[in-house]
């Protein structure tokens, strides 16, 4: 992919392209921490993005341009993400000490065994993680791959807004960055279940020891109800419990210590207390900007009802600052 794991920068713009809106976060370095420079959300026209895959780059580009103009973002580039369902990920073991070029060649050979597409149609990137516990001469390497068309559709949408893709990330890596910032406030050892809820889908990521160890998306048969006889909080809690049951049935699970809610629907009234009661786990709504300096342009913090929707965009911007 296009520099999936990024290079260092002083400021960075992260863009989350959802099914119903685009969400932008611009961060800068501020001492040993981070400063929120600007944020924006802009609704998307129906059909522009379907199940988080871009169908009409022009509509997405128009929405991005409107959002950037409203909050005076003048960035020339941005970090975007390919959604989880479009990405194949594997953790492999390689010899320690290999250079990037040599490792990339070996990973392309390995990719033939793990990726169900012709390699000429695939964008590949990798990140070297820790040395393996059983052999200090080998390292764990996180491999990510997707069809090039998913990268190209995002690059096309950015170009129509006057931006280039500084990096094309994957969602689990962006989520991990926010988790690492916030996990210092958690008891050690417990895993966190992050439930990100939009109007048409729910994604569960289970995080442990700094990494996503389980991820699953499920799409709703109908959009999240906003009125009428069906209570949106009851609907969300039922879908969340179903996602947690899938995780528990997937094998010996990590012990989940708490649940975090994120996404545009995270602040639906009554969801957090009802889910806590039904799951018997501590449940709260995530503020990805906790501990950051306030917004440099609008002069205040992101409203509590908006902040959870910006988690992914925040994680993408953090990746651009590395």
C-alpha atoms as a PDB file:
ATOM      1  CA  UNK A   1       0.000   0.000   0.000  1.00  0.00           C
ATOM      2  CA  UNK A   2       1.042   3.630  -0.153  1.00  0.00           C
ATOM      3  CA  UNK A   3       3.414   3.839   2.795  1.00  0.00           C
ATOM      4  CA  UNK A   4       1.021   1.939   5.022  1.00  0.00           C
ATOM      5  CA  UNK A   5       2.999   2.502   8.193  1.00  0.00           C
ATOM      6  CA  UNK A   6       3.994   6.099   7.479  1.00  0.00           C
ATOM      7  CA  UNK A   7       6.919   8.489   7.997  1.00  0.00           C
ATOM      8  CA  UNK A   8       7.433  11.219  10.585  1.00  0.00           C
ATOM      9  CA  UNK A   9       5.670  14.579  10.230  1.00  0.00           C
ATOM     10  CA  UNK A  10       4.953  17.674  12.349  1.00  0.00           C
ATOM     11  CA  UNK A  11       1.222  17.782  11.533  1.00  0.00           C
ATOM     12  CA  UNK A  12      -1.002  15.125  10.013  1.00  0.00           C
ATOM     13  CA  UNK A  13      -4.539  14.847   8.684  1.00  0.00           C
ATOM     14  CA  UNK A  14      -6.477  11.611   9.193  1.00  0.00           C
ATOM     15  CA  UNK A  15      -9.627  10.929   7.172  1.00  0.00           C
ATOM     16  CA  UNK A  16     -12.175   8.228   7.975  1.00  0.00           C
ATOM     17  CA  UNK A  17     -14.493   7.550   5.026  1.00  0.00           C
ATOM     18  CA  UNK A  18     -17.611   5.999   6.534  1.00  0.00           C
ATOM     19  CA  UNK A  19     -20.845   4.834   4.953  1.00  0.00           C
ATOM     20  CA  UNK A  20     -22.782   7.994   5.825  1.00  0.00           C
ATOM     21  CA  UNK A  21     -20.141  10.678   6.453  1.00  0.00           C
ATOM     22  CA  UNK A  22     -16.490  11.619   6.176  1.00  0.00           C
ATOM     23  CA  UNK A  23     -14.670  12.447   9.423  1.00  0.00           C
ATOM     24  CA  UNK A  24     -11.473  14.501   9.515  1.00  0.00           C
ATOM     25  CA  UNK A  25      -8.965  15.039  12.317  1.00  0.00           C
ATOM     26  CA  UNK A  26      -5.822  17.170  12.049  1.00  0.00           C
ATOM     27  CA  UNK A  27      -3.231  16.687  14.816  1.00  0.00           C
ATOM     28  CA  UNK A  28       0.143  18.242  15.561  1.00  0.00           C
ATOM     29  CA  UNK A  29       2.940  17.459  17.968  1.00  0.00           C
ATOM     30  CA  UNK A  30       2.716  19.425  21.224  1.00  0.00           C
ATOM     31  CA  UNK A  31       5.662  18.855  23.547  1.00  0.00           C
ATOM     32  CA  UNK A  32       5.638  15.190  24.482  1.00  0.00           C
ATOM     33  CA  UNK A  33       1.981  14.888  23.475  1.00  0.00           C
ATOM     34  CA  UNK A  34      -0.438  15.941  20.758  1.00  0.00           C
ATOM     35  CA  UNK A  35      -2.587  18.931  19.905  1.00  0.00           C
ATOM     36  CA  UNK A  36      -5.924  18.760  18.128  1.00  0.00           C
ATOM     37  CA  UNK A  37      -5.715  21.380  15.379  1.00  0.00           C
ATOM     38  CA  UNK A  38      -9.037  20.818  13.622  1.00  0.00           C
ATOM     39  CA  UNK A  39     -11.839  18.335  13.128  1.00  0.00           C
ATOM     40  CA  UNK A  40     -14.876  18.054  10.883  1.00  0.00           C
ATOM     41  CA  UNK A  41     -17.694  15.727   9.897  1.00  0.00           C
ATOM     42  CA  UNK A  42     -19.548  16.000   6.602  1.00  0.00           C
ATOM     43  CA  UNK A  43     -22.505  13.851   5.482  1.00  0.00           C
ATOM     44  CA  UNK A  44     -22.211  11.795   2.311  1.00  0.00           C
ATOM     45  CA  UNK A  45     -24.817  11.511  -0.413  1.00  0.00           C
ATOM     46  CA  UNK A  46     -26.663   8.192  -0.570  1.00  0.00           C
ATOM     47  CA  UNK A  47     -24.761   5.640  -2.617  1.00  0.00           C
ATOM     48  CA  UNK A  48     -21.383   7.383  -2.401  1.00  0.00           C
ATOM     49  CA  UNK A  49     -20.086   4.658  -0.070  1.00  0.00           C
ATOM     50  CA  UNK A  50     -21.759   1.257   0.267  1.00  0.00           C
ATOM     51  CA  UNK A  51     -20.683  -1.051   3.078  1.00  0.00           C
ATOM     52  CA  UNK A  52     -17.663   1.210   3.482  1.00  0.00           C
ATOM     53  CA  UNK A  53     -16.465   0.700  -0.088  1.00  0.00           C
ATOM     54  CA  UNK A  54     -16.296   3.834  -2.248  1.00  0.00           C
ATOM     55  CA  UNK A  55     -18.748   3.658  -5.148  1.00  0.00           C
ATOM     56  CA  UNK A  56     -18.561   7.302  -6.275  1.00  0.00           C
ATOM     57  CA  UNK A  57     -15.184   8.998  -5.629  1.00  0.00           C
ATOM     58  CA  UNK A  58     -16.539  12.329  -6.927  1.00  0.00           C
ATOM     59  CA  UNK A  59     -19.220  12.506  -4.229  1.00  0.00           C
ATOM     60  CA  UNK A  60     -16.678  11.601  -1.559  1.00  0.00           C
ATOM     61  CA  UNK A  61     -14.200  14.179  -2.871  1.00  0.00           C
ATOM     62  CA  UNK A  62     -16.877  16.889  -2.845  1.00  0.00           C
ATOM     63  CA  UNK A  63     -17.771  16.116   0.777  1.00  0.00           C
ATOM     64  CA  UNK A  64     -14.096  16.201   1.777  1.00  0.00           C
ATOM     65  CA  UNK A  65     -13.584  19.570   0.091  1.00  0.00           C
ATOM     66  CA  UNK A  66     -16.596  21.047   1.921  1.00  0.00           C
ATOM     67  CA  UNK A  67     -15.365  19.750   5.282  1.00  0.00           C
ATOM     68  CA  UNK A  68     -11.842  21.086   4.744  1.00  0.00           C
ATOM     69  CA  UNK A  69     -13.080  24.527   3.683  1.00  0.00           C
ATOM     70  CA  UNK A  70     -15.351  24.837   6.714  1.00  0.00           C
ATOM     71  CA  UNK A  71     -12.541  24.329   9.256  1.00  0.00           C
ATOM     72  CA  UNK A  72      -9.777  25.865   7.101  1.00  0.00           C
ATOM     73  CA  UNK A  73      -7.653  22.739   6.703  1.00  0.00           C
ATOM     74  CA  UNK A  74      -4.882  23.467   4.209  1.00  0.00           C
ATOM     75  CA  UNK A  75      -3.065  20.136   4.340  1.00  0.00           C
ATOM     76  CA  UNK A  76      -1.680  18.827   1.070  1.00  0.00           C
ATOM     77  CA  UNK A  77      -1.892  15.172   2.087  1.00  0.00           C
ATOM     78  CA  UNK A  78      -3.851  12.853   4.347  1.00  0.00           C
ATOM     79  CA  UNK A  79      -3.799   9.380   5.848  1.00  0.00           C
ATOM     80  CA  UNK A  80      -6.779   7.190   4.965  1.00  0.00           C
ATOM     81  CA  UNK A  81      -7.634   3.571   5.685  1.00  0.00           C
ATOM     82  CA  UNK A  82      -8.849   0.536   3.828  1.00  0.00           C
ATOM     83  CA  UNK A  83     -11.661  -1.094   5.788  1.00  0.00           C
ATOM     84  CA  UNK A  84     -11.124  -4.384   7.582  1.00  0.00           C
ATOM     85  CA  UNK A  85     -13.218  -6.598   5.314  1.00  0.00           C
ATOM     86  CA  UNK A  86     -11.121  -5.620   2.274  1.00  0.00           C
ATOM     87  CA  UNK A  87      -7.789  -6.405   3.935  1.00  0.00           C
ATOM     88  CA  UNK A  88      -5.966  -9.698   4.432  1.00  0.00           C
ATOM     89  CA  UNK A  89      -3.631  -9.646   7.440  1.00  0.00           C
ATOM     90  CA  UNK A  90      -1.187 -12.233   8.711  1.00  0.00           C
ATOM     91  CA  UNK A  91       1.513 -12.282  11.394  1.00  0.00           C
ATOM     92  CA  UNK A  92       4.585 -14.113  10.102  1.00  0.00           C
ATOM     93  CA  UNK A  93       8.015 -14.923  11.495  1.00  0.00           C
ATOM     94  CA  UNK A  94      11.147 -13.747   9.672  1.00  0.00           C
ATOM     95  CA  UNK A  95      14.863 -13.645  10.376  1.00  0.00           C
ATOM     96  CA  UNK A  96      15.896 -10.605  12.425  1.00  0.00           C
ATOM     97  CA  UNK A  97      18.276  -8.159  10.766  1.00  0.00           C
ATOM     98  CA  UNK A  98      16.868  -8.294   7.230  1.00  0.00           C
ATOM     99  CA  UNK A  99      16.732  -4.966   5.408  1.00  0.00           C
ATOM    100  CA  UNK A 100      13.394  -3.576   4.213  1.00  0.00           C
ATOM    101  CA  UNK A 101      14.027  -4.479   0.568  1.00  0.00           C
ATOM    102  CA  UNK A 102      15.079  -8.049   1.318  1.00  0.00           C
ATOM    103  CA  UNK A 103      12.196  -8.504   3.735  1.00  0.00           C
ATOM    104  CA  UNK A 104       9.758  -7.122   1.169  1.00  0.00           C
ATOM    105  CA  UNK A 105      10.962  -9.663  -1.410  1.00  0.00           C
ATOM    106  CA  UNK A 106      10.562 -12.545   1.029  1.00  0.00           C
ATOM    107  CA  UNK A 107       7.135 -11.309   2.098  1.00  0.00           C
ATOM    108  CA  UNK A 108       5.937 -11.222  -1.500  1.00  0.00           C
ATOM    109  CA  UNK A 109       6.944 -14.865  -1.777  1.00  0.00           C
ATOM    110  CA  UNK A 110       5.072 -15.622   1.447  1.00  0.00           C
ATOM    111  CA  UNK A 111       2.086 -13.643   0.181  1.00  0.00           C
ATOM    112  CA  UNK A 112       1.499 -16.209  -2.563  1.00  0.00           C
ATOM    113  CA  UNK A 113       0.552 -18.669   0.172  1.00  0.00           C
ATOM    114  CA  UNK A 114      -1.749 -16.358   2.113  1.00  0.00           C
ATOM    115  CA  UNK A 115      -3.426 -13.935  -0.319  1.00  0.00           C
ATOM    116  CA  UNK A 116      -6.254 -15.155  -2.588  1.00  0.00           C
ATOM    117  CA  UNK A 117      -5.535 -12.677  -5.424  1.00  0.00           C
ATOM    118  CA  UNK A 118      -2.904 -12.407  -8.163  1.00  0.00           C
ATOM    119  CA  UNK A 119       0.036 -10.469  -6.717  1.00  0.00           C
ATOM    120  CA  UNK A 120       0.001  -7.952  -9.572  1.00  0.00           C
ATOM    121  CA  UNK A 121      -3.463  -6.861  -8.367  1.00  0.00           C
ATOM    122  CA  UNK A 122      -2.431  -6.521  -4.719  1.00  0.00           C
ATOM    123  CA  UNK A 123      -0.979  -3.711  -2.588  1.00  0.00           C
ATOM    124  CA  UNK A 124       1.238  -5.081   0.200  1.00  0.00           C
ATOM    125  CA  UNK A 125       2.929  -3.522   3.205  1.00  0.00           C
ATOM    126  CA  UNK A 126       4.376  -4.768   6.465  1.00  0.00           C
ATOM    127  CA  UNK A 127       5.507  -3.746   9.943  1.00  0.00           C
ATOM    128  CA  UNK A 128       8.259  -5.428  11.953  1.00  0.00           C
ATOM    129  CA  UNK A 129       7.094  -5.947  15.518  1.00  0.00           C
ATOM    130  CA  UNK A 130       8.794  -7.645  18.470  1.00  0.00           C
ATOM    131  CA  UNK A 131      11.323 -10.477  18.525  1.00  0.00           C
ATOM    132  CA  UNK A 132       9.709 -13.871  19.015  1.00  0.00           C
ATOM    133  CA  UNK A 133       9.760 -15.293  22.540  1.00  0.00           C
ATOM    134  CA  UNK A 134      10.976 -18.719  21.438  1.00  0.00           C
ATOM    135  CA  UNK A 135      13.812 -17.493  19.173  1.00  0.00           C
ATOM    136  CA  UNK A 136      15.457 -14.056  19.631  1.00  0.00           C
ATOM    137  CA  UNK A 137      16.967 -14.427  16.160  1.00  0.00           C
ATOM    138  CA  UNK A 138      13.520 -14.104  14.584  1.00  0.00           C
ATOM    139  CA  UNK A 139      10.932 -11.320  14.583  1.00  0.00           C
ATOM    140  CA  UNK A 140       7.170 -11.128  14.181  1.00  0.00           C
ATOM    141  CA  UNK A 141       6.198  -9.306  10.994  1.00  0.00           C
ATOM    142  CA  UNK A 142       2.675  -7.981  10.475  1.00  0.00           C
ATOM    143  CA  UNK A 143       1.684  -8.338   6.805  1.00  0.00           C
ATOM    144  CA  UNK A 144      -1.267  -6.443   5.309  1.00  0.00           C
ATOM    145  CA  UNK A 145      -2.564  -6.721   1.765  1.00  0.00           C
ATOM    146  CA  UNK A 146      -5.605  -5.669  -0.231  1.00  0.00           C
ATOM    147  CA  UNK A 147      -6.648  -5.336  -3.844  1.00  0.00           C
ATOM    148  CA  UNK A 148      -5.152  -2.224  -5.442  1.00  0.00           C
ATOM    149  CA  UNK A 149      -8.597  -0.987  -6.479  1.00  0.00           C
ATOM    150  CA  UNK A 150      -9.444  -0.250  -2.830  1.00  0.00           C
ATOM    151  CA  UNK A 151      -6.338   1.917  -2.489  1.00  0.00           C
ATOM    152  CA  UNK A 152      -6.937   3.600  -5.844  1.00  0.00           C
ATOM    153  CA  UNK A 153     -10.554   4.551  -5.056  1.00  0.00           C
ATOM    154  CA  UNK A 154      -9.388   6.343  -1.903  1.00  0.00           C
ATOM    155  CA  UNK A 155      -6.554   8.078  -3.742  1.00  0.00           C
ATOM    156  CA  UNK A 156      -9.038   9.235  -6.398  1.00  0.00           C
ATOM    157  CA  UNK A 157     -11.426  10.690  -3.808  1.00  0.00           C
ATOM    158  CA  UNK A 158      -8.583  12.545  -2.085  1.00  0.00           C
ATOM    159  CA  UNK A 159      -7.303  13.927  -5.397  1.00  0.00           C
ATOM    160  CA  UNK A 160     -10.727  15.405  -6.142  1.00  0.00           C
ATOM    161  CA  UNK A 161     -10.451  17.305  -2.840  1.00  0.00           C
ATOM    162  CA  UNK A 162      -6.959  18.552  -3.705  1.00  0.00           C
ATOM    163  CA  UNK A 163      -5.164  16.013  -1.510  1.00  0.00           C
ATOM    164  CA  UNK A 164      -2.701  13.220  -2.050  1.00  0.00           C
ATOM    165  CA  UNK A 165      -2.584  10.064   0.025  1.00  0.00           C
ATOM    166  CA  UNK A 166       0.355  10.421   2.372  1.00  0.00           C
ATOM    167  CA  UNK A 167      -0.309   6.869   3.559  1.00  0.00           C
ATOM    168  CA  UNK A 168      -2.986   4.221   3.159  1.00  0.00           C
ATOM    169  CA  UNK A 169      -3.367   2.521   6.515  1.00  0.00           C
ATOM    170  CA  UNK A 170      -5.556  -0.286   7.791  1.00  0.00           C
ATOM    171  CA  UNK A 171      -8.156   0.238  10.477  1.00  0.00           C
ATOM    172  CA  UNK A 172      -6.775  -2.125  13.164  1.00  0.00           C
ATOM    173  CA  UNK A 173      -3.445  -0.252  13.205  1.00  0.00           C
ATOM    174  CA  UNK A 174      -5.230   3.094  13.624  1.00  0.00           C
ATOM    175  CA  UNK A 175      -7.323   1.671  16.464  1.00  0.00           C
ATOM    176  CA  UNK A 176      -4.214   0.311  18.186  1.00  0.00           C
ATOM    177  CA  UNK A 177      -2.626   3.775  18.284  1.00  0.00           C
ATOM    178  CA  UNK A 178      -5.575   5.301  20.117  1.00  0.00           C
ATOM    179  CA  UNK A 179      -5.741   2.307  22.451  1.00  0.00           C
ATOM    180  CA  UNK A 180      -2.083   2.713  23.419  1.00  0.00           C
ATOM    181  CA  UNK A 181      -2.653   6.365  24.302  1.00  0.00           C
ATOM    182  CA  UNK A 182      -5.629   5.562  26.515  1.00  0.00           C
ATOM    183  CA  UNK A 183      -4.662   2.171  27.962  1.00  0.00           C
ATOM    184  CA  UNK A 184      -2.310   3.717  30.548  1.00  0.00           C
ATOM    185  CA  UNK A 185      -5.500   4.492  32.472  1.00  0.00           C
ATOM    186  CA  UNK A 186      -6.575   0.825  32.504  1.00  0.00           C
ATOM    187  CA  UNK A 187      -5.739  -2.018  34.914  1.00  0.00           C
ATOM    188  CA  UNK A 188      -2.943  -4.166  33.418  1.00  0.00           C
ATOM    189  CA  UNK A 189      -3.692  -7.518  31.846  1.00  0.00           C
ATOM    190  CA  UNK A 190      -7.331  -7.176  30.841  1.00  0.00           C
ATOM    191  CA  UNK A 191      -8.394  -7.099  27.205  1.00  0.00           C
ATOM    192  CA  UNK A 192     -10.683  -4.345  25.929  1.00  0.00           C
ATOM    193  CA  UNK A 193     -13.631  -4.946  23.608  1.00  0.00           C
ATOM    194  CA  UNK A 194     -13.980  -1.906  21.333  1.00  0.00           C
ATOM    195  CA  UNK A 195     -17.416  -1.752  19.721  1.00  0.00           C
ATOM    196  CA  UNK A 196     -17.614   0.815  16.920  1.00  0.00           C
ATOM    197  CA  UNK A 197     -21.202   1.358  15.799  1.00  0.00           C
ATOM    198  CA  UNK A 198     -22.381   3.206  12.695  1.00  0.00           C
ATOM    199  CA  UNK A 199     -25.893   3.430  11.314  1.00  0.00           C
ATOM    200  CA  UNK A 200     -25.435   0.336   9.119  1.00  0.00           C
ATOM    201  CA  UNK A 201     -22.787  -1.786  10.834  1.00  0.00           C
ATOM    202  CA  UNK A 202     -20.957  -2.760  13.983  1.00  0.00           C
ATOM    203  CA  UNK A 203     -17.312  -3.727  14.309  1.00  0.00           C
ATOM    204  CA  UNK A 204     -15.820  -5.501  17.305  1.00  0.00           C
ATOM    205  CA  UNK A 205     -12.075  -5.245  17.916  1.00  0.00           C
ATOM    206  CA  UNK A 206     -10.593  -7.014  20.931  1.00  0.00           C
ATOM    207  CA  UNK A 207      -7.326  -5.390  22.050  1.00  0.00           C
ATOM    208  CA  UNK A 208      -4.749  -7.018  24.294  1.00  0.00           C
ATOM    209  CA  UNK A 209      -1.116  -6.122  25.005  1.00  0.00           C
ATOM    210  CA  UNK A 210      -1.302  -3.194  22.597  1.00  0.00           C
ATOM    211  CA  UNK A 211      -2.596  -5.066  19.545  1.00  0.00           C
ATOM    212  CA  UNK A 212      -5.892  -6.107  17.987  1.00  0.00           C
ATOM    213  CA  UNK A 213      -6.166  -9.861  18.566  1.00  0.00           C
ATOM    214  CA  UNK A 214      -9.671 -10.288  17.111  1.00  0.00           C
ATOM    215  CA  UNK A 215     -11.723  -8.247  14.656  1.00  0.00           C
ATOM    216  CA  UNK A 216     -15.141  -8.803  13.126  1.00  0.00           C
ATOM    217  CA  UNK A 217     -17.594  -6.654  11.195  1.00  0.00           C
ATOM    218  CA  UNK A 218     -21.310  -7.289  10.970  1.00  0.00           C
ATOM    219  CA  UNK A 219     -23.755  -5.315   8.847  1.00  0.00           C
ATOM    220  CA  UNK A 220     -27.317  -4.688   9.946  1.00  0.00           C
ATOM    221  CA  UNK A 221     -30.231  -5.937   7.849  1.00  0.00           C
ATOM    222  CA  UNK A 222     -31.637  -2.419   8.184  1.00  0.00           C
ATOM    223  CA  UNK A 223     -30.228   0.909   9.313  1.00  0.00           C
ATOM    224  CA  UNK A 224     -30.055   1.726  13.008  1.00  0.00           C
ATOM    225  CA  UNK A 225     -33.541   2.989  13.956  1.00  0.00           C
ATOM    226  CA  UNK A 226     -33.655   6.641  14.990  1.00  0.00           C
ATOM    227  CA  UNK A 227     -37.346   6.787  15.834  1.00  0.00           C
ATOM    228  CA  UNK A 228     -40.481   4.679  15.686  1.00  0.00           C
ATOM    229  CA  UNK A 229     -41.376   1.638  17.787  1.00  0.00           C
ATOM    230  CA  UNK A 230     -37.856   0.141  17.934  1.00  0.00           C
ATOM    231  CA  UNK A 231     -35.626   1.548  20.666  1.00  0.00           C
ATOM    232  CA  UNK A 232     -32.177   2.256  19.120  1.00  0.00           C
ATOM    233  CA  UNK A 233     -30.436   1.553  22.438  1.00  0.00           C
ATOM    234  CA  UNK A 234     -32.051  -1.878  22.737  1.00  0.00           C
ATOM    235  CA  UNK A 235     -31.189  -2.623  19.091  1.00  0.00           C
ATOM    236  CA  UNK A 236     -27.540  -1.601  19.582  1.00  0.00           C
ATOM    237  CA  UNK A 237     -27.126  -3.600  22.771  1.00  0.00           C
ATOM    238  CA  UNK A 238     -28.595  -6.725  21.163  1.00  0.00           C
ATOM    239  CA  UNK A 239     -26.191  -6.430  18.213  1.00  0.00           C
ATOM    240  CA  UNK A 240     -23.257  -5.763  20.555  1.00  0.00           C
ATOM    241  CA  UNK A 241     -24.012  -8.820  22.671  1.00  0.00           C
ATOM    242  CA  UNK A 242     -24.278 -10.918  19.513  1.00  0.00           C
ATOM    243  CA  UNK A 243     -20.828  -9.719  18.412  1.00  0.00           C
ATOM    244  CA  UNK A 244     -19.369 -10.587  21.822  1.00  0.00           C
ATOM    245  CA  UNK A 245     -20.920 -14.061  21.624  1.00  0.00           C
ATOM    246  CA  UNK A 246     -19.208 -14.639  18.255  1.00  0.00           C
ATOM    247  CA  UNK A 247     -15.900 -13.707  19.875  1.00  0.00           C
ATOM    248  CA  UNK A 248     -16.437 -16.028  22.826  1.00  0.00           C
ATOM    249  CA  UNK A 249     -17.315 -18.877  20.445  1.00  0.00           C
ATOM    250  CA  UNK A 250     -14.190 -18.330  18.324  1.00  0.00           C
ATOM    251  CA  UNK A 251     -11.896 -20.202  20.711  1.00  0.00           C
ATOM    252  CA  UNK A 252     -10.241 -19.696  24.093  1.00  0.00           C
ATOM    253  CA  UNK A 253     -10.944 -15.966  24.536  1.00  0.00           C
ATOM    254  CA  UNK A 254      -8.912 -13.319  26.260  1.00  0.00           C
ATOM    255  CA  UNK A 255     -10.581 -12.195  29.471  1.00  0.00           C
ATOM    256  CA  UNK A 256     -12.366  -8.973  28.523  1.00  0.00           C
ATOM    257  CA  UNK A 257     -12.082  -6.472  31.341  1.00  0.00           C
ATOM    258  CA  UNK A 258     -14.190  -3.678  29.880  1.00  0.00           C
ATOM    259  CA  UNK A 259     -16.113  -2.484  26.848  1.00  0.00           C
ATOM    260  CA  UNK A 260     -15.435   0.745  24.972  1.00  0.00           C
ATOM    261  CA  UNK A 261     -18.060   2.263  22.679  1.00  0.00           C
ATOM    262  CA  UNK A 262     -17.060   4.329  19.654  1.00  0.00           C
ATOM    263  CA  UNK A 263     -18.460   5.397  16.307  1.00  0.00           C
ATOM    264  CA  UNK A 264     -21.252   7.789  15.291  1.00  0.00           C
ATOM    265  CA  UNK A 265     -23.903   5.856  17.244  1.00  0.00           C
ATOM    266  CA  UNK A 266     -21.886   5.364  20.451  1.00  0.00           C
ATOM    267  CA  UNK A 267     -23.677   8.168  22.278  1.00  0.00           C
ATOM    268  CA  UNK A 268     -27.230   6.983  21.617  1.00  0.00           C
ATOM    269  CA  UNK A 269     -28.917   7.663  24.989  1.00  0.00           C
ATOM    270  CA  UNK A 270     -29.025   4.671  27.299  1.00  0.00           C
ATOM    271  CA  UNK A 271     -26.668   2.383  25.373  1.00  0.00           C
ATOM    272  CA  UNK A 272     -23.692   2.344  27.762  1.00  0.00           C
ATOM    273  CA  UNK A 273     -25.625   1.660  30.994  1.00  0.00           C
ATOM    274  CA  UNK A 274     -27.847  -0.952  29.332  1.00  0.00           C
ATOM    275  CA  UNK A 275     -24.872  -2.760  27.777  1.00  0.00           C
ATOM    276  CA  UNK A 276     -23.014  -2.689  31.092  1.00  0.00           C
ATOM    277  CA  UNK A 277     -26.007  -4.216  32.831  1.00  0.00           C
ATOM    278  CA  UNK A 278     -26.592  -6.891  30.185  1.00  0.00           C
ATOM    279  CA  UNK A 279     -22.921  -7.837  29.730  1.00  0.00           C
ATOM    280  CA  UNK A 280     -21.857  -7.480  33.385  1.00  0.00           C
ATOM    281  CA  UNK A 281     -18.735  -5.637  32.163  1.00  0.00           C
ATOM    282  CA  UNK A 282     -17.604  -2.062  32.798  1.00  0.00           C
ATOM    283  CA  UNK A 283     -18.744  -0.059  29.766  1.00  0.00           C
ATOM    284  CA  UNK A 284     -17.897   3.472  28.702  1.00  0.00           C
ATOM    285  CA  UNK A 285     -17.831   5.778  25.686  1.00  0.00           C
ATOM    286  CA  UNK A 286     -14.375   6.508  24.260  1.00  0.00           C
ATOM    287  CA  UNK A 287     -12.956  10.016  23.942  1.00  0.00           C
ATOM    288  CA  UNK A 288      -9.879   9.578  21.701  1.00  0.00           C
ATOM    289  CA  UNK A 289      -8.747  13.140  22.501  1.00  0.00           C
ATOM    290  CA  UNK A 290      -8.471  12.608  26.245  1.00  0.00           C
ATOM    291  CA  UNK A 291      -5.262  14.270  27.445  1.00  0.00           C
ATOM    292  CA  UNK A 292      -4.673  16.192  24.197  1.00  0.00           C
ATOM    293  CA  UNK A 293      -4.406  19.978  24.025  1.00  0.00           C
ATOM    294  CA  UNK A 294      -7.680  21.583  22.852  1.00  0.00           C
ATOM    295  CA  UNK A 295      -8.649  22.303  19.271  1.00  0.00           C
ATOM    296  CA  UNK A 296      -6.337  24.981  17.897  1.00  0.00           C
ATOM    297  CA  UNK A 297      -8.865  26.560  15.519  1.00  0.00           C
ATOM    298  CA  UNK A 298     -12.305  26.320  17.066  1.00  0.00           C
ATOM    299  CA  UNK A 299     -10.920  27.106  20.516  1.00  0.00           C
ATOM    300  CA  UNK A 300     -12.370  24.212  22.468  1.00  0.00           C
ATOM    301  CA  UNK A 301     -12.628  20.483  22.852  1.00  0.00           C
ATOM    302  CA  UNK A 302     -14.622  18.178  20.602  1.00  0.00           C
ATOM    303  CA  UNK A 303     -18.169  17.853  21.981  1.00  0.00           C
ATOM    304  CA  UNK A 304     -18.678  14.659  23.978  1.00  0.00           C
ATOM    305  CA  UNK A 305     -21.406  13.480  21.607  1.00  0.00           C
ATOM    306  CA  UNK A 306     -19.061  13.824  18.583  1.00  0.00           C
ATOM    307  CA  UNK A 307     -15.679  12.606  19.888  1.00  0.00           C
ATOM    308  CA  UNK A 308     -16.397   8.831  19.704  1.00  0.00           C
ATOM    309  CA  UNK A 309     -17.185   9.136  15.987  1.00  0.00           C
ATOM    310  CA  UNK A 310     -13.687  10.531  15.361  1.00  0.00           C
ATOM    311  CA  UNK A 311     -11.730   7.642  16.893  1.00  0.00           C
ATOM    312  CA  UNK A 312     -10.594   6.129  13.602  1.00  0.00           C
ATOM    313  CA  UNK A 313      -9.708   9.500  12.043  1.00  0.00           C
ATOM    314  CA  UNK A 314      -7.713  10.309  15.188  1.00  0.00           C
ATOM    315  CA  UNK A 315      -5.791   7.029  14.942  1.00  0.00           C
ATOM    316  CA  UNK A 316      -5.015   7.702  11.282  1.00  0.00           C
ATOM    317  CA  UNK A 317      -3.678  11.172  12.105  1.00  0.00           C
ATOM    318  CA  UNK A 318      -1.535   9.679  14.878  1.00  0.00           C
ATOM    319  CA  UNK A 319      -0.066   7.323  12.292  1.00  0.00           C
ATOM    320  CA  UNK A 320       0.844  10.293  10.120  1.00  0.00           C
ATOM    321  CA  UNK A 321       2.781  11.856  13.014  1.00  0.00           C
ATOM    322  CA  UNK A 322       5.049   8.877  13.578  1.00  0.00           C
END
